[in-house]
N, C-alpha and C. Protein backbone atom coordinates (compact mmCIF):
# COMPACT_ATOMS: atom_id res chain seq x y z
N UNK A 1 0.53 -1.20 0.11
CA UNK A 1 0.23 0.21 -0.16
C UNK A 1 0.95 1.01 0.12
N UNK A 2 0.69 2.08 -0.42
CA UNK A 2 1.41 3.45 -0.52
C UNK A 2 0.49 4.75 -0.59
N UNK A 3 0.76 5.74 0.08
CA UNK A 3 0.03 7.01 0.49
C UNK A 3 0.73 7.89 -0.70
N UNK A 4 -0.45 9.08 -1.23
CA UNK A 4 0.33 9.76 -2.18
C UNK A 4 -0.77 11.16 -2.02
N UNK A 5 0.28 11.83 -1.60
CA UNK A 5 -0.23 13.44 -1.24
C UNK A 5 0.02 13.91 -2.65
N UNK A 6 -1.35 14.91 -2.38
CA UNK A 6 -1.18 16.07 -3.78
C UNK A 6 -1.94 17.09 -3.04
N UNK A 7 -1.53 18.02 -3.51
CA UNK A 7 -1.95 19.64 -3.36
C UNK A 7 -3.33 19.76 -4.28
N UNK A 8 -3.90 20.58 -4.04
CA UNK A 8 -5.17 21.11 -4.45
C UNK A 8 -5.69 22.34 -3.69
N UNK A 9 -5.30 23.23 -4.80
CA UNK A 9 -5.64 24.64 -4.37
C UNK A 9 -4.68 24.77 -3.17
N UNK A 10 -4.98 25.10 -2.00
CA UNK A 10 -4.50 25.35 -0.76
C UNK A 10 -4.09 23.94 0.36
N UNK A 11 -5.15 23.01 -0.43
CA UNK A 11 -4.95 22.13 0.72
C UNK A 11 -3.94 21.02 0.38
N UNK A 12 -3.80 19.94 0.73
CA UNK A 12 -3.35 18.07 1.01
C UNK A 12 -4.06 17.81 1.07
N UNK A 13 -3.86 16.64 -0.06
CA UNK A 13 -5.14 15.28 -0.03
C UNK A 13 -3.94 14.55 -0.27
N UNK A 14 -4.93 13.34 -0.16
CA UNK A 14 -4.09 12.14 0.16
C UNK A 14 -5.20 10.95 -0.65
N UNK A 15 -4.14 9.72 -1.26
CA UNK A 15 -4.85 8.82 -2.04
C UNK A 15 -3.86 7.96 -1.74
N UNK A 16 -4.49 6.50 -1.88
CA UNK A 16 -3.97 5.34 -1.29
C UNK A 16 -3.77 4.57 -2.47
N UNK A 17 -2.53 3.69 -2.98
CA UNK A 17 -2.44 3.43 -4.34
C UNK A 17 -2.39 2.05 -3.33
N UNK A 18 -2.77 0.69 -3.78
CA UNK A 18 -3.06 -0.29 -3.45
C UNK A 18 -2.66 -1.22 -4.61
N UNK A 19 -2.23 -1.90 -5.16
CA UNK A 19 -1.83 -3.13 -5.82
C UNK A 19 -1.80 -1.86 -7.14
N UNK A 20 -1.51 -1.20 -7.42
CA UNK A 20 -1.04 -0.23 -8.36
C UNK A 20 -2.48 0.62 -8.90
N UNK A 21 -3.31 0.54 -7.84
CA UNK A 21 -5.03 1.25 -8.08
C UNK A 21 -5.09 2.18 -6.97
N UNK A 22 -4.84 3.56 -7.37
CA UNK A 22 -4.87 4.67 -7.01
C UNK A 22 -6.61 4.91 -6.34
N UNK A 23 -6.74 5.31 -5.38
CA UNK A 23 -7.93 5.80 -4.92
C UNK A 23 -8.23 6.88 -3.58
N UNK A 24 -9.38 7.07 -3.48
CA UNK A 24 -9.90 8.15 -2.54
C UNK A 24 -9.23 7.68 -0.83
N UNK A 25 -8.96 8.46 -0.33
CA UNK A 25 -8.34 7.99 1.27
C UNK A 25 -9.54 7.90 1.87
N UNK A 26 -9.89 7.22 2.27
CA UNK A 26 -10.85 6.49 3.73
C UNK A 26 -10.25 6.39 4.60
N UNK A 27 -10.40 7.18 5.68
CA UNK A 27 -9.67 6.60 7.15
C UNK A 27 -10.24 5.22 7.29
N UNK A 28 -10.99 4.92 7.35
CA UNK A 28 -11.48 3.39 8.04
C UNK A 28 -11.38 2.39 7.17
N UNK A 29 -11.04 2.54 5.84
CA UNK A 29 -10.73 2.16 5.22
C UNK A 29 -8.96 1.18 5.30
N UNK A 30 -8.15 2.48 5.56
CA UNK A 30 -6.90 2.67 5.58
C UNK A 30 -6.49 2.11 6.98
N UNK A 31 -7.56 2.58 7.93
CA UNK A 31 -6.53 1.83 9.48
C UNK A 31 -7.00 0.45 9.52
N UNK A 32 -8.57 -0.40 8.83
CA UNK A 32 -8.15 -1.61 8.70
C UNK A 32 -7.78 -1.95 7.84
N UNK A 33 -7.16 -1.73 6.99
CA UNK A 33 -6.06 -2.62 6.16
C UNK A 33 -4.46 -2.74 7.02
N UNK A 34 -4.28 -1.62 7.76
CA UNK A 34 -2.84 -1.68 8.43
C UNK A 34 -3.47 -2.28 9.82
N UNK A 35 -4.68 -2.50 10.16
CA UNK A 35 -4.69 -3.73 11.50
C UNK A 35 -4.99 -5.09 11.03
N UNK A 36 -5.20 -5.17 9.77
CA UNK A 36 -5.14 -6.44 9.09
C UNK A 36 -3.89 -7.19 8.27
N UNK A 37 -2.50 -6.66 8.70
CA UNK A 37 -1.48 -6.56 8.71
C UNK A 37 -0.79 -5.80 7.30
N UNK A 38 -1.70 -4.99 6.47
CA UNK A 38 -1.11 -4.47 5.26
C UNK A 38 0.07 -2.94 5.84
N UNK A 39 0.88 -3.09 5.23
CA UNK A 39 2.05 -1.99 5.09
C UNK A 39 2.17 -0.78 4.49
N UNK A 40 2.53 0.28 4.47
CA UNK A 40 3.00 1.40 3.88
C UNK A 40 3.88 1.22 3.39
N UNK A 41 4.21 0.90 1.89
CA UNK A 41 5.41 0.83 1.06
C UNK A 41 5.69 1.71 0.77
N UNK A 42 5.44 2.55 0.61
CA UNK A 42 6.19 3.65 0.07
C UNK A 42 5.25 5.43 -0.37
N UNK A 43 5.31 6.29 0.61
CA UNK A 43 4.56 7.59 0.06
C UNK A 43 5.27 8.67 -0.71
N UNK A 44 4.34 8.98 -1.50
CA UNK A 44 4.75 9.52 -2.45
C UNK A 44 4.36 11.15 -2.02
N UNK A 45 5.57 12.16 -2.58
CA UNK A 45 5.20 13.55 -2.50
C UNK A 45 5.81 14.36 -3.66
N UNK A 46 4.48 14.84 -4.19
CA UNK A 46 4.86 15.78 -5.41
C UNK A 46 6.14 16.84 -5.20
N UNK A 47 6.31 17.52 -5.84
CA UNK A 47 7.56 18.73 -5.23
C UNK A 47 6.88 19.84 -4.88
N UNK A 48 5.78 20.15 -4.89
CA UNK A 48 5.27 21.35 -4.66
C UNK A 48 4.59 21.22 -2.86
N UNK A 49 4.83 20.01 -2.40
CA UNK A 49 4.89 19.71 -0.85
C UNK A 49 6.49 20.35 -0.24
N UNK A 50 6.26 21.06 0.78
CA UNK A 50 7.73 21.26 1.25
C UNK A 50 7.80 20.36 2.49
N UNK A 51 9.06 21.12 2.64
CA UNK A 51 9.50 20.25 3.78
C UNK A 51 9.34 20.02 5.02
N UNK A 52 8.60 21.39 5.30
CA UNK A 52 8.04 20.96 6.52
C UNK A 52 6.59 20.38 6.39
N UNK A 53 5.93 20.50 5.35
CA UNK A 53 5.06 19.88 4.99
C UNK A 53 4.82 18.33 5.49
N UNK A 54 6.25 17.78 4.94
CA UNK A 54 6.35 16.33 4.55
C UNK A 54 7.00 15.85 6.26
N UNK A 55 7.64 16.67 6.59
CA UNK A 55 7.91 16.19 8.06
C UNK A 55 6.18 16.31 8.94
N UNK A 56 5.62 16.66 8.81
CA UNK A 56 4.29 17.10 9.55
C UNK A 56 3.71 15.38 9.25
N UNK A 57 3.69 15.34 8.11
CA UNK A 57 3.11 14.08 7.47
C UNK A 57 3.91 12.88 7.86
N UNK A 58 5.10 12.83 7.48
CA UNK A 58 5.81 11.92 8.26
C UNK A 58 5.51 11.30 9.96
N UNK A 59 5.54 12.46 10.61
CA UNK A 59 5.20 12.70 12.21
C UNK A 59 4.00 12.00 12.22
N UNK A 60 3.02 12.17 11.60
CA UNK A 60 1.41 11.44 11.94
C UNK A 60 1.41 10.15 11.40
N UNK A 61 2.43 9.85 10.28
CA UNK A 61 2.75 8.27 10.30
C UNK A 61 3.06 7.74 11.23
N UNK A 62 4.57 8.04 11.52
CA UNK A 62 4.78 7.46 12.76
C UNK A 62 4.14 7.17 13.66
N UNK A 63 3.10 8.50 14.11
CA UNK A 63 2.22 7.83 15.31
C UNK A 63 1.11 7.18 15.12
N UNK A 64 0.41 7.02 13.85
CA UNK A 64 -0.13 5.95 13.24
C UNK A 64 0.57 4.49 13.41
N UNK A 65 1.01 4.42 12.96
CA UNK A 65 2.13 3.14 13.12
C UNK A 65 2.40 2.91 14.60
N UNK A 66 2.75 3.77 15.76
CA UNK A 66 2.71 3.49 16.93
C UNK A 66 1.83 2.35 17.50
N UNK A 67 0.26 3.24 17.33
CA UNK A 67 -0.89 3.33 17.35
C UNK A 67 -1.33 1.79 17.31
N UNK A 68 -0.95 1.68 16.28
CA UNK A 68 -1.60 0.32 15.06
C UNK A 68 -1.22 -0.55 15.09
N UNK A 69 0.26 -0.37 14.52
CA UNK A 69 0.77 -1.24 14.40
C UNK A 69 2.01 -2.15 15.14
N UNK A 70 2.78 -1.30 16.08
CA UNK A 70 3.18 -1.69 17.05
C UNK A 70 2.85 -2.61 17.97
N UNK A 71 1.83 -2.05 18.89
CA UNK A 71 0.49 -3.40 19.18
C UNK A 71 0.73 -4.52 19.33
N UNK A 72 0.51 -4.55 18.14
CA UNK A 72 0.07 -5.93 17.12
C UNK A 72 1.49 -6.94 16.54
N UNK A 73 2.47 -6.29 16.72
CA UNK A 73 3.66 -6.68 16.43
C UNK A 73 3.62 -8.08 17.44
């Protein structure tokens, strides 16, 4: 599973890429996939995402992993 972050106007939107199929991001589906053992294999950032925004996104992903993935190992 991959996460793709894109800028639309002034907002950053998230897409899920599962087996090459890009889908709109849905939190419940994302969380269920993580609980079911799927992992985030790659994070895609376009050039218009700043380093500060990348850091903020990476911090969020780390927190999600700590809460959802680490306790199930």
